[in-house]
């Protein structure tokens, strides 16, 4: 069972390949994703890495959290589950009447 890691404070030049190569130094990376703005395509400065082994994921957290990447200290920790989305523009409960 693997762990999904949150990687924050990424430099805007970071790519999925950059994340993959960095985290694969310490273990097997199942996937690496840099979150981008859908309008501009520019990185939002954070991403997620899925590691296939829990021990390797914990090692990545301890080694990379606070490590400098292009002048920015990375923030690496275990990802929290995404909160369910509610309402929003054009959505919501349509059973009002």
N, C-alpha and C. Protein backbone atom coordinates (compact mmCIF):
# COMPACT_ATOMS: atom_id res chain seq x y z
N UNK A 1 0.84 -1.19 0.00
CA UNK A 1 0.00 0.00 0.00
C UNK A 1 0.88 1.24 0.00
N UNK A 2 0.65 2.16 -0.89
CA UNK A 2 1.46 3.35 -1.00
C UNK A 2 0.82 4.55 -0.35
N UNK A 3 1.55 5.64 -0.38
CA UNK A 3 1.06 6.89 0.19
C UNK A 3 1.10 7.98 -0.86
N UNK A 4 0.14 8.88 -0.75
CA UNK A 4 0.11 10.06 -1.61
C UNK A 4 0.69 11.22 -0.80
N UNK A 5 1.67 11.90 -1.38
CA UNK A 5 2.33 12.99 -0.71
C UNK A 5 1.96 14.32 -1.34
N UNK A 6 1.76 15.32 -0.50
CA UNK A 6 1.55 16.69 -0.95
C UNK A 6 2.93 17.34 -1.01
N UNK A 7 3.23 18.01 -2.11
CA UNK A 7 4.49 18.72 -2.26
C UNK A 7 4.16 20.18 -2.55
N UNK A 8 4.41 21.05 -1.57
CA UNK A 8 4.07 22.45 -1.70
C UNK A 8 5.30 23.34 -1.83
N UNK A 9 5.05 24.60 -2.17
CA UNK A 9 6.08 25.61 -2.35
C UNK A 9 7.06 25.25 -3.46
N UNK A 10 6.52 24.60 -4.50
CA UNK A 10 7.34 24.25 -5.66
C UNK A 10 7.70 25.50 -6.45
N UNK A 11 8.88 25.53 -7.05
CA UNK A 11 9.17 26.63 -7.97
C UNK A 11 8.24 26.51 -9.18
N UNK A 12 7.87 27.62 -9.77
CA UNK A 12 6.92 27.58 -10.87
C UNK A 12 7.48 26.89 -12.11
N UNK A 13 8.79 26.67 -12.14
CA UNK A 13 9.41 25.97 -13.26
C UNK A 13 9.36 24.45 -13.10
N UNK A 14 8.91 23.96 -11.94
CA UNK A 14 8.87 22.51 -11.68
C UNK A 14 7.89 21.81 -12.62
N UNK A 15 8.29 20.63 -13.08
CA UNK A 15 7.43 19.82 -13.95
C UNK A 15 7.19 18.47 -13.29
N UNK A 16 6.31 17.70 -13.89
CA UNK A 16 6.05 16.35 -13.37
C UNK A 16 7.30 15.49 -13.48
N UNK A 17 8.09 15.70 -14.53
CA UNK A 17 9.34 14.96 -14.70
C UNK A 17 10.33 15.32 -13.58
N UNK A 18 10.38 16.61 -13.23
CA UNK A 18 11.27 17.06 -12.15
C UNK A 18 10.89 16.37 -10.84
N UNK A 19 9.60 16.38 -10.52
CA UNK A 19 9.12 15.73 -9.29
C UNK A 19 9.43 14.24 -9.31
N UNK A 20 9.14 13.60 -10.43
CA UNK A 20 9.36 12.16 -10.55
C UNK A 20 10.82 11.81 -10.31
N UNK A 21 11.72 12.54 -10.95
CA UNK A 21 13.14 12.21 -10.81
C UNK A 21 13.64 12.49 -9.40
N UNK A 22 13.17 13.55 -8.77
CA UNK A 22 13.61 13.89 -7.42
C UNK A 22 13.16 12.82 -6.42
N UNK A 23 11.89 12.43 -6.46
CA UNK A 23 11.37 11.49 -5.48
C UNK A 23 11.79 10.05 -5.78
N UNK A 24 12.11 9.75 -7.03
CA UNK A 24 12.56 8.39 -7.35
C UNK A 24 13.97 8.13 -6.83
N UNK A 25 14.66 9.17 -6.36
CA UNK A 25 15.95 8.97 -5.71
C UNK A 25 15.81 8.09 -4.48
N UNK A 26 14.64 8.15 -3.83
CA UNK A 26 14.44 7.43 -2.57
C UNK A 26 13.46 6.26 -2.67
N UNK A 27 12.89 6.02 -3.84
CA UNK A 27 11.95 4.91 -3.96
C UNK A 27 11.21 4.91 -5.28
N UNK A 28 10.22 4.05 -5.36
CA UNK A 28 9.43 3.89 -6.57
C UNK A 28 8.27 4.87 -6.57
N UNK A 29 8.23 5.71 -7.61
CA UNK A 29 7.16 6.69 -7.76
C UNK A 29 6.10 6.10 -8.69
N UNK A 30 4.86 6.03 -8.19
CA UNK A 30 3.75 5.55 -9.03
C UNK A 30 3.26 6.65 -9.95
N UNK A 31 3.18 7.88 -9.42
CA UNK A 31 2.77 9.01 -10.25
C UNK A 31 3.24 10.31 -9.62
N UNK A 32 3.40 11.31 -10.46
CA UNK A 32 3.77 12.65 -10.01
C UNK A 32 2.93 13.64 -10.81
N UNK A 33 2.31 14.59 -10.12
CA UNK A 33 1.42 15.54 -10.78
C UNK A 33 1.66 16.93 -10.23
N UNK A 34 1.95 17.87 -11.12
CA UNK A 34 2.05 19.28 -10.75
C UNK A 34 0.70 19.91 -11.11
N UNK A 35 0.09 20.59 -10.16
CA UNK A 35 -1.22 21.19 -10.38
C UNK A 35 -1.02 22.52 -11.11
N UNK A 36 -1.77 22.69 -12.20
CA UNK A 36 -1.64 23.89 -13.02
C UNK A 36 -2.96 24.65 -13.09
N UNK A 37 -2.85 25.93 -13.37
CA UNK A 37 -4.02 26.76 -13.58
C UNK A 37 -4.65 26.37 -14.92
N UNK A 38 -5.93 26.13 -14.92
CA UNK A 38 -6.55 25.64 -16.17
C UNK A 38 -6.61 26.70 -17.26
N UNK A 39 -6.60 27.98 -16.90
CA UNK A 39 -6.66 29.03 -17.90
C UNK A 39 -5.29 29.34 -18.50
N UNK A 40 -4.26 29.43 -17.64
CA UNK A 40 -2.93 29.85 -18.12
C UNK A 40 -2.00 28.67 -18.35
N UNK A 41 -2.28 27.53 -17.72
CA UNK A 41 -1.40 26.37 -17.83
C UNK A 41 -0.16 26.48 -16.94
N UNK A 42 -0.07 27.57 -16.18
CA UNK A 42 1.08 27.80 -15.30
C UNK A 42 0.90 27.01 -14.00
N UNK A 43 2.01 26.54 -13.45
CA UNK A 43 1.99 25.80 -12.20
C UNK A 43 1.40 26.66 -11.09
N UNK A 44 0.63 26.02 -10.20
CA UNK A 44 0.10 26.72 -9.03
C UNK A 44 1.06 26.64 -7.85
N UNK A 45 2.19 25.96 -8.03
CA UNK A 45 3.19 25.90 -6.98
C UNK A 45 3.06 24.72 -6.03
N UNK A 46 2.22 23.75 -6.40
CA UNK A 46 2.14 22.54 -5.58
C UNK A 46 1.80 21.36 -6.46
N UNK A 47 1.96 20.18 -5.89
CA UNK A 47 1.67 18.96 -6.63
C UNK A 47 1.54 17.77 -5.70
N UNK A 48 1.42 16.60 -6.29
CA UNK A 48 1.26 15.36 -5.54
C UNK A 48 2.15 14.29 -6.12
N UNK A 49 2.70 13.47 -5.24
CA UNK A 49 3.52 12.33 -5.65
C UNK A 49 2.96 11.10 -4.94
N UNK A 50 2.70 10.05 -5.70
CA UNK A 50 2.26 8.79 -5.11
C UNK A 50 3.43 7.83 -5.09
N UNK A 51 3.77 7.36 -3.90
CA UNK A 51 4.86 6.41 -3.71
C UNK A 51 4.24 5.03 -3.51
N UNK A 52 4.91 3.99 -4.00
CA UNK A 52 4.33 2.65 -3.90
C UNK A 52 4.59 1.99 -2.55
N UNK A 53 5.49 2.57 -1.75
CA UNK A 53 5.84 1.94 -0.48
C UNK A 53 5.73 2.99 0.64
N UNK A 54 5.06 2.64 1.73
CA UNK A 54 4.88 3.58 2.84
C UNK A 54 6.20 4.02 3.46
N UNK A 55 7.13 3.10 3.62
CA UNK A 55 8.42 3.45 4.23
C UNK A 55 9.20 4.41 3.35
N UNK A 56 9.16 4.20 2.04
CA UNK A 56 9.83 5.12 1.11
C UNK A 56 9.17 6.50 1.17
N UNK A 57 7.85 6.53 1.29
CA UNK A 57 7.13 7.80 1.37
C UNK A 57 7.54 8.55 2.63
N UNK A 58 7.64 7.87 3.76
CA UNK A 58 8.05 8.51 5.01
C UNK A 58 9.48 9.03 4.91
N UNK A 59 10.33 8.28 4.22
CA UNK A 59 11.71 8.72 4.03
C UNK A 59 11.75 9.99 3.16
N UNK A 60 10.91 10.05 2.14
CA UNK A 60 10.83 11.24 1.29
C UNK A 60 10.38 12.45 2.10
N UNK A 61 9.40 12.25 2.99
CA UNK A 61 8.92 13.35 3.82
C UNK A 61 10.06 13.88 4.68
N UNK A 62 10.78 12.97 5.35
CA UNK A 62 11.84 13.41 6.26
C UNK A 62 13.01 14.04 5.50
N UNK A 63 13.31 13.57 4.29
CA UNK A 63 14.47 14.11 3.56
C UNK A 63 14.14 15.39 2.80
N UNK A 64 12.97 15.45 2.16
CA UNK A 64 12.68 16.56 1.26
C UNK A 64 11.92 17.72 1.90
N UNK A 65 11.25 17.51 3.05
CA UNK A 65 10.53 18.61 3.68
C UNK A 65 11.54 19.66 4.15
N UNK A 66 11.42 20.86 3.63
CA UNK A 66 12.34 21.94 3.98
C UNK A 66 13.55 22.04 3.07
N UNK A 67 13.76 21.06 2.19
CA UNK A 67 14.90 21.09 1.28
C UNK A 67 14.71 22.19 0.24
N UNK A 68 15.82 22.85 -0.09
CA UNK A 68 15.78 23.94 -1.05
C UNK A 68 15.67 23.39 -2.48
N UNK A 69 14.72 23.95 -3.23
CA UNK A 69 14.58 23.63 -4.66
C UNK A 69 14.44 24.95 -5.40
N UNK A 70 15.50 25.34 -6.09
CA UNK A 70 15.55 26.61 -6.83
C UNK A 70 15.21 27.80 -5.93
N UNK A 71 15.76 27.80 -4.71
CA UNK A 71 15.58 28.92 -3.81
C UNK A 71 14.31 28.89 -2.97
N UNK A 72 13.54 27.81 -3.09
CA UNK A 72 12.30 27.70 -2.32
C UNK A 72 12.34 26.46 -1.44
N UNK A 73 12.02 26.59 -0.15
CA UNK A 73 12.00 25.42 0.73
C UNK A 73 10.73 24.59 0.48
N UNK A 74 10.91 23.34 0.06
CA UNK A 74 9.77 22.47 -0.22
C UNK A 74 8.99 22.16 1.06
N UNK A 75 7.71 21.94 0.91
CA UNK A 75 6.86 21.45 1.99
C UNK A 75 6.34 20.09 1.52
N UNK A 76 6.73 19.05 2.24
CA UNK A 76 6.32 17.69 1.87
C UNK A 76 5.67 17.04 3.07
N UNK A 77 4.45 16.57 2.88
CA UNK A 77 3.77 15.81 3.93
C UNK A 77 2.74 14.89 3.30
N UNK A 78 2.15 14.06 4.13
CA UNK A 78 1.14 13.13 3.62
C UNK A 78 -0.08 13.92 3.19
N UNK A 79 -0.58 13.60 2.00
CA UNK A 79 -1.74 14.32 1.46
C UNK A 79 -2.99 13.96 2.25
N UNK A 80 -3.82 14.96 2.48
CA UNK A 80 -5.10 14.74 3.15
C UNK A 80 -6.14 14.41 2.08
N UNK A 81 -7.15 13.62 2.43
CA UNK A 81 -8.20 13.33 1.44
C UNK A 81 -8.90 14.61 0.99
N UNK A 82 -9.26 14.65 -0.28
CA UNK A 82 -9.92 15.83 -0.82
C UNK A 82 -11.30 15.96 -0.20
N UNK A 83 -11.65 17.15 0.25
CA UNK A 83 -12.96 17.40 0.84
C UNK A 83 -14.02 17.35 -0.25
N UNK A 84 -15.19 16.82 0.06
CA UNK A 84 -16.25 16.79 -0.96
C UNK A 84 -16.68 18.21 -1.32
N UNK A 85 -16.95 18.42 -2.58
CA UNK A 85 -17.38 19.74 -3.04
C UNK A 85 -18.87 19.88 -2.81
N UNK A 86 -19.27 21.09 -2.41
CA UNK A 86 -20.69 21.35 -2.19
C UNK A 86 -21.08 22.63 -2.90
N UNK A 87 -22.28 22.65 -3.41
CA UNK A 87 -22.82 23.87 -4.00
C UNK A 87 -21.97 24.42 -5.11
N UNK A 88 -21.72 25.71 -5.04
CA UNK A 88 -20.93 26.36 -6.06
C UNK A 88 -21.79 27.06 -7.08
N UNK A 89 -21.16 27.73 -7.98
CA UNK A 89 -21.88 28.48 -9.00
C UNK A 89 -22.61 27.53 -9.94
N UNK A 90 -23.90 27.72 -10.09
CA UNK A 90 -24.69 26.92 -11.00
C UNK A 90 -25.04 25.55 -10.47
N UNK A 91 -24.62 25.24 -9.28
CA UNK A 91 -24.91 23.92 -8.71
C UNK A 91 -25.85 24.06 -7.55
N UNK A 92 -25.75 23.12 -6.66
CA UNK A 92 -26.55 23.20 -5.45
C UNK A 92 -27.77 22.32 -5.53
N UNK A 93 -28.61 22.47 -4.56
CA UNK A 93 -29.81 21.65 -4.45
C UNK A 93 -30.91 22.17 -5.37
N UNK A 94 -31.36 21.33 -6.26
CA UNK A 94 -32.40 21.75 -7.19
C UNK A 94 -33.80 21.33 -6.71
N UNK A 95 -33.87 20.67 -5.58
CA UNK A 95 -35.16 20.23 -5.04
C UNK A 95 -35.66 21.22 -4.00
N UNK A 96 -35.79 22.46 -4.41
CA UNK A 96 -36.17 23.50 -3.45
C UNK A 96 -37.67 23.56 -3.21
N UNK A 97 -38.47 23.16 -4.15
CA UNK A 97 -39.92 23.36 -4.02
C UNK A 97 -40.63 22.06 -3.82
